[in-house]
N, C-alpha and C. Protein backbone atom coordinates (compact mmCIF):
# COMPACT_ATOMS: atom_id res chain seq x y z
N ALA A 1 12.96 -194.44 -102.51
CA ALA A 1 14.11 -193.68 -103.08
C ALA A 1 14.84 -192.99 -102.01
N SER A 2 14.15 -192.32 -101.08
CA SER A 2 14.75 -191.64 -99.95
C SER A 2 15.50 -192.61 -99.04
N ALA A 3 14.96 -193.78 -98.79
CA ALA A 3 15.65 -194.80 -97.95
C ALA A 3 16.93 -195.25 -98.62
N ALA A 4 16.85 -195.47 -99.95
CA ALA A 4 18.00 -195.97 -100.74
C ALA A 4 19.18 -194.96 -100.64
N ILE A 5 18.79 -193.66 -100.81
CA ILE A 5 19.79 -192.54 -100.79
C ILE A 5 20.40 -192.48 -99.42
N LYS A 6 19.60 -192.63 -98.36
CA LYS A 6 20.09 -192.55 -97.01
C LYS A 6 21.07 -193.70 -96.73
N ARG A 7 20.65 -194.88 -97.17
CA ARG A 7 21.48 -196.08 -96.95
C ARG A 7 22.82 -195.92 -97.71
N TYR A 8 22.78 -195.43 -98.88
CA TYR A 8 23.99 -195.14 -99.71
C TYR A 8 24.98 -194.24 -98.99
N VAL A 9 24.45 -193.17 -98.39
CA VAL A 9 25.28 -192.26 -97.65
C VAL A 9 25.81 -192.92 -96.39
N GLU A 10 24.93 -193.66 -95.67
CA GLU A 10 25.38 -194.28 -94.43
C GLU A 10 26.56 -195.21 -94.63
N LEU A 11 26.65 -195.78 -95.81
CA LEU A 11 27.79 -196.74 -96.13
C LEU A 11 29.04 -195.96 -96.57
N ASN A 12 29.03 -194.62 -96.25
CA ASN A 12 30.18 -193.79 -96.49
C ASN A 12 30.49 -193.59 -97.92
N ASN A 13 29.45 -193.71 -98.79
CA ASN A 13 29.62 -193.41 -100.17
C ASN A 13 29.50 -191.92 -100.41
N THR A 14 30.19 -191.35 -101.36
CA THR A 14 30.15 -189.93 -101.57
C THR A 14 29.08 -189.59 -102.63
N LEU A 15 28.48 -188.41 -102.54
CA LEU A 15 27.53 -187.94 -103.50
C LEU A 15 28.30 -187.26 -104.61
N ASN A 16 28.98 -188.02 -105.43
CA ASN A 16 29.75 -187.59 -106.54
C ASN A 16 28.88 -187.42 -107.78
N ALA A 17 29.51 -187.14 -108.94
CA ALA A 17 28.79 -187.04 -110.17
C ALA A 17 27.99 -188.27 -110.51
N THR A 18 28.57 -189.43 -110.31
CA THR A 18 27.88 -190.67 -110.69
C THR A 18 26.66 -190.85 -109.86
N ALA A 19 26.71 -190.60 -108.55
CA ALA A 19 25.59 -190.65 -107.66
C ALA A 19 24.52 -189.68 -107.97
N LEU A 20 24.92 -188.44 -108.28
CA LEU A 20 23.92 -187.37 -108.54
C LEU A 20 23.24 -187.60 -109.87
N ASP A 21 24.00 -188.21 -110.83
CA ASP A 21 23.39 -188.49 -112.13
C ASP A 21 22.39 -189.60 -111.96
N ALA A 22 22.61 -190.55 -111.04
CA ALA A 22 21.63 -191.60 -110.75
C ALA A 22 20.43 -191.06 -110.04
N ILE A 23 20.65 -190.17 -109.12
CA ILE A 23 19.55 -189.52 -108.36
C ILE A 23 18.71 -188.64 -109.28
N GLY A 24 19.37 -187.79 -110.04
CA GLY A 24 18.67 -186.94 -111.02
C GLY A 24 17.79 -185.89 -110.41
N SER A 25 17.19 -185.03 -111.27
CA SER A 25 16.32 -184.01 -110.79
C SER A 25 15.09 -184.54 -110.14
N GLY A 26 14.65 -185.73 -110.52
CA GLY A 26 13.45 -186.31 -109.98
C GLY A 26 13.53 -186.66 -108.50
N TYR A 27 14.76 -186.96 -108.00
CA TYR A 27 14.91 -187.34 -106.57
C TYR A 27 15.84 -186.41 -105.80
N VAL A 28 16.43 -185.40 -106.43
CA VAL A 28 17.32 -184.56 -105.69
C VAL A 28 16.68 -183.83 -104.54
N CYS A 29 15.33 -183.60 -104.75
CA CYS A 29 14.62 -182.90 -103.70
C CYS A 29 14.43 -183.77 -102.38
N LEU A 30 14.73 -185.06 -102.55
CA LEU A 30 14.61 -185.93 -101.34
C LEU A 30 15.80 -185.84 -100.43
N LEU A 31 16.87 -185.21 -100.90
CA LEU A 31 18.10 -185.11 -100.11
C LEU A 31 17.84 -184.10 -98.93
N ASN A 32 18.29 -184.54 -97.72
CA ASN A 32 18.13 -183.64 -96.60
C ASN A 32 19.32 -182.72 -96.50
N ALA A 33 19.31 -181.84 -95.51
CA ALA A 33 20.40 -180.78 -95.47
C ALA A 33 21.80 -181.39 -95.31
N THR A 34 21.85 -182.45 -94.49
CA THR A 34 23.20 -183.08 -94.27
C THR A 34 23.70 -183.69 -95.58
N GLU A 35 22.82 -184.36 -96.32
CA GLU A 35 23.19 -184.95 -97.56
C GLU A 35 23.57 -183.95 -98.61
N LEU A 36 22.78 -182.85 -98.63
CA LEU A 36 23.11 -181.77 -99.55
C LEU A 36 24.52 -181.22 -99.34
N ARG A 37 24.81 -181.02 -98.05
CA ARG A 37 26.13 -180.42 -97.72
C ARG A 37 27.26 -181.44 -98.03
N ALA A 38 26.93 -182.66 -98.15
CA ALA A 38 27.94 -183.66 -98.44
C ALA A 38 28.24 -183.79 -99.92
N ILE A 39 27.50 -183.09 -100.75
CA ILE A 39 27.79 -183.15 -102.22
C ILE A 39 29.09 -182.49 -102.57
N GLU A 40 29.84 -183.13 -103.41
CA GLU A 40 31.11 -182.57 -103.86
C GLU A 40 30.80 -181.50 -104.95
N PRO A 41 31.11 -180.25 -104.64
CA PRO A 41 30.84 -179.15 -105.59
C PRO A 41 31.29 -179.45 -107.00
N SER A 42 32.46 -180.03 -107.13
CA SER A 42 33.00 -180.34 -108.49
C SER A 42 32.09 -181.25 -109.28
N SER A 43 31.30 -182.05 -108.61
CA SER A 43 30.44 -183.03 -109.29
C SER A 43 29.30 -182.31 -110.04
N LEU A 44 28.96 -181.10 -109.64
CA LEU A 44 27.88 -180.36 -110.30
C LEU A 44 28.31 -179.88 -111.65
N ARG A 45 29.56 -179.91 -111.94
CA ARG A 45 30.07 -179.54 -113.28
C ARG A 45 29.80 -180.65 -114.24
N LEU A 46 29.52 -181.83 -113.76
CA LEU A 46 29.39 -182.98 -114.67
C LEU A 46 27.93 -183.49 -114.75
N VAL A 47 27.01 -182.92 -114.05
CA VAL A 47 25.66 -183.34 -114.08
C VAL A 47 24.73 -182.19 -114.39
N SER A 48 23.51 -182.51 -114.79
CA SER A 48 22.51 -181.48 -115.03
C SER A 48 21.30 -181.70 -114.12
N LEU A 49 21.14 -180.82 -113.19
CA LEU A 49 20.11 -180.85 -112.21
C LEU A 49 19.14 -179.71 -112.34
N ASN A 50 17.87 -179.91 -112.03
CA ASN A 50 16.89 -178.84 -112.03
C ASN A 50 16.15 -178.94 -110.73
N PRO A 51 16.54 -178.09 -109.72
CA PRO A 51 15.92 -178.16 -108.42
C PRO A 51 14.69 -177.24 -108.25
N SER A 52 14.06 -176.86 -109.37
CA SER A 52 12.94 -175.90 -109.24
C SER A 52 11.81 -176.45 -108.49
N ALA A 53 11.58 -177.74 -108.37
CA ALA A 53 10.46 -178.31 -107.61
C ALA A 53 10.86 -178.55 -106.16
N CYS A 54 12.00 -178.26 -105.75
CA CYS A 54 12.43 -178.57 -104.41
C CYS A 54 12.00 -177.43 -103.39
N SER A 55 12.20 -177.75 -102.14
CA SER A 55 11.94 -176.74 -101.12
C SER A 55 12.96 -175.60 -101.22
N GLN A 56 12.54 -174.49 -100.63
CA GLN A 56 13.47 -173.29 -100.69
C GLN A 56 14.86 -173.63 -100.00
N GLN A 57 14.81 -174.34 -98.90
CA GLN A 57 16.06 -174.70 -98.25
C GLN A 57 16.92 -175.50 -99.18
N THR A 58 16.36 -176.48 -99.90
CA THR A 58 17.14 -177.26 -100.80
C THR A 58 17.75 -176.38 -101.90
N LYS A 59 16.94 -175.46 -102.48
CA LYS A 59 17.43 -174.60 -103.54
C LYS A 59 18.57 -173.76 -102.99
N ASN A 60 18.42 -173.25 -101.78
CA ASN A 60 19.51 -172.41 -101.20
C ASN A 60 20.81 -173.15 -101.05
N LEU A 61 20.74 -174.37 -100.57
CA LEU A 61 21.93 -175.15 -100.34
C LEU A 61 22.59 -175.60 -101.71
N LEU A 62 21.77 -175.96 -102.69
CA LEU A 62 22.28 -176.37 -103.97
C LEU A 62 22.90 -175.19 -104.66
N TYR A 63 22.32 -173.98 -104.48
CA TYR A 63 22.88 -172.77 -105.09
C TYR A 63 24.29 -172.59 -104.57
N GLU A 64 24.48 -172.63 -103.30
CA GLU A 64 25.75 -172.42 -102.66
C GLU A 64 26.79 -173.44 -103.22
N LYS A 65 26.37 -174.71 -103.42
CA LYS A 65 27.27 -175.73 -103.94
C LYS A 65 27.59 -175.36 -105.46
N ALA A 66 26.59 -174.94 -106.14
CA ALA A 66 26.81 -174.64 -107.55
C ALA A 66 27.76 -173.35 -107.74
N LYS A 67 27.55 -172.40 -106.90
CA LYS A 67 28.35 -171.16 -106.89
C LYS A 67 29.82 -171.56 -106.63
N GLU A 68 30.06 -172.48 -105.67
CA GLU A 68 31.41 -172.91 -105.45
C GLU A 68 31.97 -173.72 -106.61
N ALA A 69 31.09 -174.52 -107.26
CA ALA A 69 31.52 -175.37 -108.34
C ALA A 69 31.99 -174.53 -109.56
N PHE A 70 31.24 -173.40 -109.79
CA PHE A 70 31.49 -172.64 -111.01
C PHE A 70 32.18 -171.37 -110.73
N SER A 71 32.77 -171.19 -109.51
CA SER A 71 33.43 -169.94 -109.16
C SER A 71 34.66 -169.69 -110.00
N GLY A 72 35.27 -170.67 -110.59
CA GLY A 72 36.44 -170.48 -111.45
C GLY A 72 36.10 -169.95 -112.84
N GLN A 73 34.81 -169.97 -113.20
CA GLN A 73 34.33 -169.51 -114.47
C GLN A 73 33.82 -168.04 -114.34
N HIS A 74 34.70 -167.14 -114.71
CA HIS A 74 34.36 -165.67 -114.53
C HIS A 74 33.90 -165.03 -115.75
N VAL A 75 33.83 -165.72 -116.89
CA VAL A 75 33.48 -165.20 -118.14
C VAL A 75 31.96 -165.26 -118.35
N PHE A 76 31.35 -164.10 -118.65
CA PHE A 76 29.90 -164.02 -118.88
C PHE A 76 29.73 -164.03 -120.38
N PRO A 77 28.65 -164.70 -120.97
CA PRO A 77 27.60 -165.30 -120.23
C PRO A 77 27.78 -166.78 -119.77
N ALA A 78 29.00 -167.31 -119.92
CA ALA A 78 29.22 -168.68 -119.60
C ALA A 78 28.87 -169.02 -118.16
N TYR A 79 29.28 -168.18 -117.18
CA TYR A 79 29.03 -168.43 -115.78
C TYR A 79 27.49 -168.39 -115.58
N TYR A 80 26.85 -167.42 -116.16
CA TYR A 80 25.40 -167.27 -115.97
C TYR A 80 24.67 -168.52 -116.45
N GLU A 81 25.06 -169.10 -117.61
CA GLU A 81 24.34 -170.24 -118.16
C GLU A 81 24.57 -171.44 -117.19
N LEU A 82 25.72 -171.52 -116.56
CA LEU A 82 26.05 -172.64 -115.65
C LEU A 82 25.21 -172.51 -114.34
N ILE A 83 25.14 -171.33 -113.86
CA ILE A 83 24.50 -171.08 -112.53
C ILE A 83 22.97 -170.99 -112.63
N LEU A 84 22.50 -170.72 -113.84
CA LEU A 84 21.07 -170.44 -114.12
C LEU A 84 20.07 -171.46 -113.52
N PRO A 85 20.32 -172.74 -113.58
CA PRO A 85 19.33 -173.76 -112.98
C PRO A 85 19.22 -173.61 -111.51
N TYR A 86 20.20 -172.95 -110.80
CA TYR A 86 20.22 -172.89 -109.40
C TYR A 86 19.94 -171.48 -108.87
N LEU A 87 19.57 -170.54 -109.70
CA LEU A 87 19.34 -169.14 -109.28
C LEU A 87 18.17 -168.98 -108.32
N GLU A 88 17.23 -169.93 -108.30
CA GLU A 88 16.10 -169.78 -107.37
C GLU A 88 16.54 -169.77 -105.92
N GLY A 89 17.79 -170.16 -105.69
CA GLY A 89 18.36 -170.18 -104.31
C GLY A 89 19.35 -169.06 -104.05
N ALA A 90 19.50 -168.10 -104.99
CA ALA A 90 20.49 -167.13 -104.91
C ALA A 90 20.08 -165.98 -103.92
N PRO A 91 20.93 -165.50 -103.07
CA PRO A 91 20.62 -164.39 -102.16
C PRO A 91 20.61 -163.05 -102.88
N GLY A 92 20.05 -162.04 -102.25
CA GLY A 92 19.98 -160.79 -102.91
C GLY A 92 21.29 -160.17 -103.32
N LYS A 93 22.36 -160.34 -102.51
CA LYS A 93 23.67 -159.75 -102.85
C LYS A 93 24.27 -160.30 -104.14
N ASP A 94 24.03 -161.56 -104.38
CA ASP A 94 24.51 -162.19 -105.63
C ASP A 94 23.67 -161.75 -106.79
N LEU A 95 22.41 -161.54 -106.64
CA LEU A 95 21.56 -161.03 -107.77
C LEU A 95 21.95 -159.62 -108.11
N LYS A 96 22.33 -158.81 -107.07
CA LYS A 96 22.77 -157.45 -107.28
C LYS A 96 23.99 -157.41 -108.13
N ALA A 97 24.96 -158.36 -107.82
CA ALA A 97 26.20 -158.48 -108.57
C ALA A 97 25.92 -158.84 -110.03
N LEU A 98 24.95 -159.76 -110.23
CA LEU A 98 24.63 -160.18 -111.60
C LEU A 98 23.99 -159.04 -112.40
N SER A 99 23.36 -158.09 -111.71
CA SER A 99 22.69 -156.98 -112.41
C SER A 99 23.68 -156.10 -113.15
N HIS A 100 24.98 -156.25 -112.87
CA HIS A 100 26.01 -155.47 -113.53
C HIS A 100 26.64 -156.26 -114.64
N ALA A 101 26.15 -157.50 -114.89
CA ALA A 101 26.86 -158.39 -115.84
C ALA A 101 26.21 -158.53 -117.16
N ASN A 102 25.10 -157.78 -117.44
CA ASN A 102 24.39 -157.87 -118.66
C ASN A 102 23.91 -159.26 -119.00
N VAL A 103 23.22 -159.90 -118.08
CA VAL A 103 22.78 -161.28 -118.29
C VAL A 103 21.49 -161.48 -119.06
N ASN A 104 20.73 -160.38 -119.09
CA ASN A 104 19.40 -160.42 -119.86
C ASN A 104 18.57 -161.55 -119.36
N MET A 105 18.33 -161.62 -118.04
CA MET A 105 17.47 -162.66 -117.44
C MET A 105 16.07 -162.60 -117.99
N ASN A 106 15.45 -163.76 -118.25
CA ASN A 106 14.09 -163.79 -118.75
C ASN A 106 13.15 -163.64 -117.61
N ILE A 107 11.92 -163.19 -117.89
CA ILE A 107 10.97 -162.93 -116.86
C ILE A 107 10.51 -164.19 -116.06
N THR A 108 10.54 -165.33 -116.73
CA THR A 108 10.20 -166.57 -116.04
C THR A 108 11.16 -166.85 -114.92
N THR A 109 12.46 -166.69 -115.21
CA THR A 109 13.44 -166.89 -114.19
C THR A 109 13.28 -165.77 -113.04
N PHE A 110 13.03 -164.55 -113.46
CA PHE A 110 12.96 -163.47 -112.49
C PHE A 110 11.87 -163.73 -111.46
N VAL A 111 10.66 -164.09 -111.90
CA VAL A 111 9.56 -164.31 -110.95
C VAL A 111 9.66 -165.54 -110.14
N SER A 112 10.68 -166.38 -110.48
CA SER A 112 10.93 -167.60 -109.72
C SER A 112 12.00 -167.43 -108.65
N LEU A 113 12.65 -166.21 -108.58
CA LEU A 113 13.72 -166.00 -107.67
C LEU A 113 13.20 -166.05 -106.24
N ARG A 114 14.17 -166.30 -105.36
CA ARG A 114 13.83 -166.26 -103.90
C ARG A 114 13.14 -165.00 -103.50
N ARG A 115 11.97 -165.12 -102.86
CA ARG A 115 11.19 -163.96 -102.57
C ARG A 115 11.92 -162.85 -101.84
N ASP A 116 12.67 -163.12 -100.79
CA ASP A 116 13.34 -162.11 -100.06
C ASP A 116 14.43 -161.47 -100.91
N ALA A 117 15.01 -162.24 -101.78
CA ALA A 117 16.09 -161.72 -102.67
C ALA A 117 15.52 -160.74 -103.68
N LEU A 118 14.36 -161.16 -104.26
CA LEU A 118 13.74 -160.33 -105.30
C LEU A 118 13.25 -159.04 -104.65
N MET A 119 12.73 -159.09 -103.46
CA MET A 119 12.21 -157.85 -102.81
C MET A 119 13.34 -156.89 -102.43
N SER A 120 14.56 -157.34 -102.35
CA SER A 120 15.63 -156.47 -101.98
C SER A 120 16.24 -155.66 -103.12
N LEU A 121 15.76 -155.98 -104.33
CA LEU A 121 16.32 -155.36 -105.57
C LEU A 121 15.68 -154.01 -105.79
N THR A 122 16.49 -153.06 -106.21
CA THR A 122 16.00 -151.74 -106.60
C THR A 122 15.55 -151.76 -108.07
N PRO A 123 14.75 -150.74 -108.50
CA PRO A 123 14.39 -150.71 -109.97
C PRO A 123 15.61 -150.79 -110.91
N SER A 124 16.66 -150.00 -110.57
CA SER A 124 17.76 -149.96 -111.50
C SER A 124 18.46 -151.40 -111.57
N GLU A 125 18.46 -152.10 -110.37
CA GLU A 125 19.05 -153.46 -110.36
C GLU A 125 18.18 -154.42 -111.16
N VAL A 126 16.94 -154.29 -111.09
CA VAL A 126 16.02 -155.15 -111.85
C VAL A 126 16.24 -154.81 -113.38
N GLN A 127 16.39 -153.60 -113.71
CA GLN A 127 16.64 -153.27 -115.08
C GLN A 127 17.95 -153.91 -115.55
N GLY A 128 18.97 -153.88 -114.73
CA GLY A 128 20.21 -154.47 -115.04
C GLY A 128 20.15 -155.95 -115.21
N LEU A 129 19.34 -156.64 -114.39
CA LEU A 129 19.11 -158.11 -114.51
C LEU A 129 18.42 -158.47 -115.81
N LEU A 130 17.26 -157.77 -116.05
CA LEU A 130 16.40 -158.11 -117.22
C LEU A 130 16.96 -157.66 -118.52
N GLY A 131 17.58 -156.53 -118.54
CA GLY A 131 18.14 -156.06 -119.78
C GLY A 131 17.15 -155.89 -120.88
N VAL A 132 17.36 -156.57 -121.95
CA VAL A 132 16.46 -156.44 -123.12
C VAL A 132 15.02 -157.03 -122.81
N ASN A 133 14.93 -157.75 -121.73
CA ASN A 133 13.62 -158.35 -121.40
C ASN A 133 12.84 -157.48 -120.36
N LEU A 134 13.29 -156.28 -120.13
CA LEU A 134 12.63 -155.42 -119.13
C LEU A 134 11.19 -155.13 -119.44
N LYS A 135 10.87 -155.03 -120.69
CA LYS A 135 9.49 -154.69 -121.06
C LYS A 135 8.46 -155.74 -120.58
N ASP A 136 8.97 -157.01 -120.43
CA ASP A 136 8.11 -158.09 -119.98
C ASP A 136 7.66 -157.93 -118.48
N LEU A 137 8.40 -157.07 -117.77
CA LEU A 137 8.06 -156.85 -116.38
C LEU A 137 6.62 -156.17 -116.27
N ALA A 138 6.28 -155.31 -117.30
CA ALA A 138 4.99 -154.67 -117.25
C ALA A 138 3.86 -155.68 -117.37
N LYS A 139 4.09 -156.81 -118.05
CA LYS A 139 3.03 -157.79 -118.18
C LYS A 139 2.75 -158.50 -116.83
N TRP A 140 3.64 -158.35 -115.92
CA TRP A 140 3.48 -159.00 -114.59
C TRP A 140 3.12 -158.05 -113.51
N GLN A 141 2.90 -156.82 -113.79
CA GLN A 141 2.77 -155.81 -112.72
C GLN A 141 1.55 -155.98 -111.85
N TYR A 142 0.57 -156.75 -112.27
CA TYR A 142 -0.57 -156.96 -111.44
C TYR A 142 -0.62 -158.43 -110.91
N ARG A 143 0.53 -159.13 -111.00
CA ARG A 143 0.59 -160.49 -110.57
C ARG A 143 1.77 -160.62 -109.54
N SER A 144 1.62 -161.56 -108.67
CA SER A 144 2.67 -161.84 -107.63
C SER A 144 3.83 -162.55 -108.32
N PRO A 145 5.06 -162.32 -107.95
CA PRO A 145 5.56 -161.40 -106.92
C PRO A 145 5.85 -159.99 -107.40
N VAL A 146 5.70 -159.67 -108.65
CA VAL A 146 6.00 -158.33 -109.18
C VAL A 146 5.16 -157.35 -108.54
N ARG A 147 3.89 -157.62 -108.34
CA ARG A 147 2.98 -156.69 -107.67
C ARG A 147 3.52 -156.25 -106.27
N GLU A 148 3.95 -157.20 -105.48
CA GLU A 148 4.40 -156.89 -104.14
C GLU A 148 5.70 -156.04 -104.30
N TRP A 149 6.54 -156.40 -105.26
CA TRP A 149 7.84 -155.69 -105.40
C TRP A 149 7.54 -154.22 -105.82
N ILE A 150 6.58 -154.02 -106.68
CA ILE A 150 6.30 -152.63 -107.11
C ILE A 150 5.77 -151.80 -105.91
N GLN A 151 4.97 -152.41 -105.01
CA GLN A 151 4.38 -151.69 -103.92
C GLN A 151 5.38 -151.14 -102.92
N VAL A 152 6.61 -151.71 -102.85
CA VAL A 152 7.63 -151.20 -101.94
C VAL A 152 8.65 -150.32 -102.64
N GLN A 153 8.43 -150.06 -103.92
CA GLN A 153 9.34 -149.12 -104.64
C GLN A 153 8.82 -147.70 -104.73
N LYS A 154 9.70 -146.75 -104.89
CA LYS A 154 9.26 -145.35 -105.03
C LYS A 154 8.74 -145.20 -106.48
N GLN A 155 7.61 -144.60 -106.65
CA GLN A 155 6.99 -144.47 -107.96
C GLN A 155 7.95 -143.65 -108.91
N SER A 156 8.63 -142.68 -108.37
CA SER A 156 9.58 -141.88 -109.16
C SER A 156 10.65 -142.74 -109.76
N GLN A 157 11.09 -143.82 -109.05
CA GLN A 157 12.17 -144.70 -109.58
C GLN A 157 11.57 -145.61 -110.58
N LEU A 158 10.28 -146.07 -110.35
CA LEU A 158 9.64 -146.89 -111.35
C LEU A 158 9.38 -146.19 -112.60
N ASP A 159 9.11 -144.89 -112.56
CA ASP A 159 8.89 -144.05 -113.73
C ASP A 159 10.11 -143.98 -114.61
N GLN A 160 11.26 -144.10 -114.00
CA GLN A 160 12.51 -144.01 -114.77
C GLN A 160 12.80 -145.27 -115.65
N LEU A 161 12.03 -146.33 -115.40
CA LEU A 161 12.13 -147.53 -116.26
C LEU A 161 11.42 -147.32 -117.59
N HIS A 162 10.43 -146.41 -117.58
CA HIS A 162 9.73 -146.07 -118.87
C HIS A 162 8.95 -147.30 -119.45
N ILE A 163 8.35 -148.06 -118.57
CA ILE A 163 7.56 -149.22 -119.13
C ILE A 163 6.12 -149.17 -118.52
N GLY A 164 5.75 -148.07 -117.89
CA GLY A 164 4.37 -147.94 -117.44
C GLY A 164 4.01 -148.59 -116.10
N LEU A 165 4.93 -148.88 -115.29
CA LEU A 165 4.66 -149.49 -113.97
C LEU A 165 4.02 -148.45 -113.07
N THR A 166 2.92 -148.87 -112.37
CA THR A 166 2.24 -148.00 -111.46
C THR A 166 1.95 -148.83 -110.14
N GLY A 167 1.74 -148.05 -109.05
CA GLY A 167 1.44 -148.62 -107.75
C GLY A 167 2.48 -148.53 -106.80
N GLY A 168 3.55 -147.81 -107.10
CA GLY A 168 4.64 -147.55 -106.14
C GLY A 168 4.25 -146.52 -105.14
N THR A 169 5.10 -146.26 -104.12
CA THR A 169 4.84 -145.26 -103.13
C THR A 169 5.13 -143.88 -103.64
N GLN A 170 4.24 -142.95 -103.26
CA GLN A 170 4.40 -141.57 -103.65
C GLN A 170 5.19 -140.83 -102.54
N GLU A 171 6.20 -140.14 -102.90
CA GLU A 171 7.06 -139.45 -101.97
C GLU A 171 6.33 -138.17 -101.47
N GLY A 172 6.44 -137.95 -100.16
CA GLY A 172 5.90 -136.75 -99.53
C GLY A 172 4.43 -136.89 -99.08
N TYR A 173 3.90 -138.10 -99.23
CA TYR A 173 2.53 -138.26 -98.78
C TYR A 173 2.49 -139.34 -97.63
N ILE A 174 1.63 -139.03 -96.61
CA ILE A 174 1.39 -139.95 -95.51
C ILE A 174 -0.05 -140.23 -95.44
N ASN A 175 -0.42 -141.47 -95.48
CA ASN A 175 -1.86 -141.86 -95.37
C ASN A 175 -2.23 -141.96 -93.93
N LEU A 176 -3.22 -141.10 -93.47
CA LEU A 176 -3.73 -141.16 -92.13
C LEU A 176 -5.13 -141.69 -92.12
N VAL A 177 -5.40 -142.57 -91.23
CA VAL A 177 -6.77 -143.12 -91.08
C VAL A 177 -7.38 -142.49 -89.83
N THR A 178 -8.42 -141.73 -90.00
CA THR A 178 -9.07 -141.05 -88.81
C THR A 178 -10.24 -141.87 -88.37
N PRO A 179 -10.31 -142.29 -87.09
CA PRO A 179 -11.36 -143.09 -86.64
C PRO A 179 -12.62 -142.23 -86.47
N LYS A 180 -13.77 -142.84 -86.71
CA LYS A 180 -15.05 -142.16 -86.72
C LYS A 180 -15.82 -142.57 -85.45
N PHE A 181 -16.28 -141.56 -84.67
CA PHE A 181 -16.97 -141.83 -83.45
C PHE A 181 -18.38 -141.29 -83.53
N PRO A 182 -19.41 -142.00 -83.04
CA PRO A 182 -20.77 -141.46 -83.17
C PRO A 182 -20.96 -140.24 -82.29
N ALA A 183 -21.81 -139.34 -82.67
CA ALA A 183 -22.12 -138.11 -81.92
C ALA A 183 -22.65 -138.58 -80.55
N LEU A 184 -22.10 -137.93 -79.44
CA LEU A 184 -22.51 -138.31 -78.14
C LEU A 184 -24.01 -138.03 -77.88
N SER A 185 -24.47 -136.98 -78.49
CA SER A 185 -25.87 -136.57 -78.28
C SER A 185 -26.86 -137.57 -78.84
N SER A 186 -26.50 -138.29 -79.85
CA SER A 186 -27.46 -139.30 -80.45
C SER A 186 -27.07 -140.74 -80.05
N ALA A 187 -25.97 -140.90 -79.30
CA ALA A 187 -25.60 -142.26 -78.95
C ALA A 187 -26.40 -142.77 -77.74
N PRO A 188 -26.66 -144.08 -77.75
CA PRO A 188 -27.39 -144.67 -76.58
C PRO A 188 -26.58 -144.39 -75.31
N LEU A 189 -27.24 -144.67 -74.17
CA LEU A 189 -26.58 -144.43 -72.88
C LEU A 189 -25.35 -145.31 -72.75
N GLY A 190 -25.43 -146.55 -73.14
CA GLY A 190 -24.31 -147.47 -73.04
C GLY A 190 -23.10 -146.96 -73.83
N ALA A 191 -23.36 -146.53 -75.03
CA ALA A 191 -22.28 -146.03 -75.89
C ALA A 191 -21.66 -144.75 -75.29
N MET A 192 -22.58 -143.88 -74.67
CA MET A 192 -22.00 -142.70 -74.11
C MET A 192 -21.13 -143.04 -72.92
N ALA A 193 -21.52 -144.02 -72.14
CA ALA A 193 -20.72 -144.43 -71.01
C ALA A 193 -19.39 -145.01 -71.48
N THR A 194 -19.42 -145.76 -72.56
CA THR A 194 -18.12 -146.34 -73.10
C THR A 194 -17.19 -145.20 -73.58
N ALA A 195 -17.78 -144.23 -74.26
CA ALA A 195 -16.95 -143.08 -74.70
C ALA A 195 -16.33 -142.33 -73.60
N LEU A 196 -17.12 -142.10 -72.57
CA LEU A 196 -16.63 -141.35 -71.40
C LEU A 196 -15.57 -142.23 -70.68
N HIS A 197 -15.73 -143.56 -70.71
CA HIS A 197 -14.74 -144.36 -70.10
C HIS A 197 -13.38 -144.30 -70.83
N LEU A 198 -13.44 -144.17 -72.18
CA LEU A 198 -12.26 -144.15 -73.02
C LEU A 198 -11.67 -142.74 -73.08
N LEU A 199 -12.36 -141.76 -72.61
CA LEU A 199 -11.89 -140.35 -72.79
C LEU A 199 -10.52 -140.08 -72.19
N PRO A 200 -10.19 -140.54 -70.97
CA PRO A 200 -8.87 -140.28 -70.42
C PRO A 200 -7.79 -140.89 -71.28
N ALA A 201 -7.98 -142.09 -71.78
CA ALA A 201 -7.00 -142.74 -72.64
C ALA A 201 -6.85 -141.92 -73.93
N LEU A 202 -7.93 -141.42 -74.54
CA LEU A 202 -7.82 -140.62 -75.77
C LEU A 202 -7.10 -139.34 -75.51
N LEU A 203 -7.39 -138.73 -74.39
CA LEU A 203 -6.72 -137.47 -74.09
C LEU A 203 -5.22 -137.69 -73.90
N LEU A 204 -4.87 -138.76 -73.22
CA LEU A 204 -3.46 -139.10 -73.02
C LEU A 204 -2.73 -139.36 -74.36
N THR A 205 -3.41 -140.09 -75.25
CA THR A 205 -2.88 -140.30 -76.57
C THR A 205 -2.63 -139.07 -77.35
N LEU A 206 -3.59 -138.11 -77.29
CA LEU A 206 -3.41 -136.84 -77.99
C LEU A 206 -2.34 -136.05 -77.40
N LEU A 207 -2.18 -136.09 -76.08
CA LEU A 207 -1.12 -135.44 -75.35
C LEU A 207 0.27 -135.93 -75.79
N MET A 208 0.43 -137.24 -75.90
CA MET A 208 1.66 -137.89 -76.31
C MET A 208 2.03 -137.49 -77.73
N VAL A 209 1.01 -137.57 -78.59
CA VAL A 209 1.23 -137.18 -79.98
C VAL A 209 1.73 -135.70 -80.09
N SER A 210 1.05 -134.80 -79.30
CA SER A 210 1.47 -133.40 -79.30
C SER A 210 2.90 -133.22 -78.87
N ILE A 211 3.25 -133.97 -77.79
CA ILE A 211 4.65 -133.83 -77.27
C ILE A 211 5.62 -134.37 -78.27
N LEU A 212 5.35 -135.52 -78.91
CA LEU A 212 6.31 -136.12 -79.88
C LEU A 212 6.44 -135.35 -81.13
N SER A 213 5.37 -134.63 -81.55
CA SER A 213 5.46 -133.82 -82.76
C SER A 213 6.18 -132.48 -82.48
């Protein structure tokens, strides 16, 4: 299938709606970056593709094509329904814009979003995206990628969602890990020698910390 698609393109044929319909969701993941960029954006209005099984690069490129194809459709939820199959390739800035459009994204779509894009969202933006489906976020709070997203949010902002999310960062707290050293009096001679050897470096470190603070 990959060889057939390559040969088709090499013969200067365009990846229009007819070609994409023949390729379908089953083989669209075989298209390389050059072939994906050759797709006519307008053709995406006439076909139904599902790139969820493709690589992230393929999803990203198809999203950009779909965004261009549907850019003339500014009415919600019509635009959202058209762009929905391609949202796994959407960058953070576009998701932030969608958070103001009352799209009521379902949790299955949310957890499938591009990881870097999802991690860039604030709690209020996630609330805007999920809308009436916000309560479903709590069911995922111990599962990836929601768990990782929670861990980089301020707990005070998570509390404002009122759905019981925990695990965010506490403001005003700094976790310090203090190294433990054995008492020199009870340490073997080799350990004592090592400790004495490291003493100048430790003193220099303490001095630098004192100066910087």
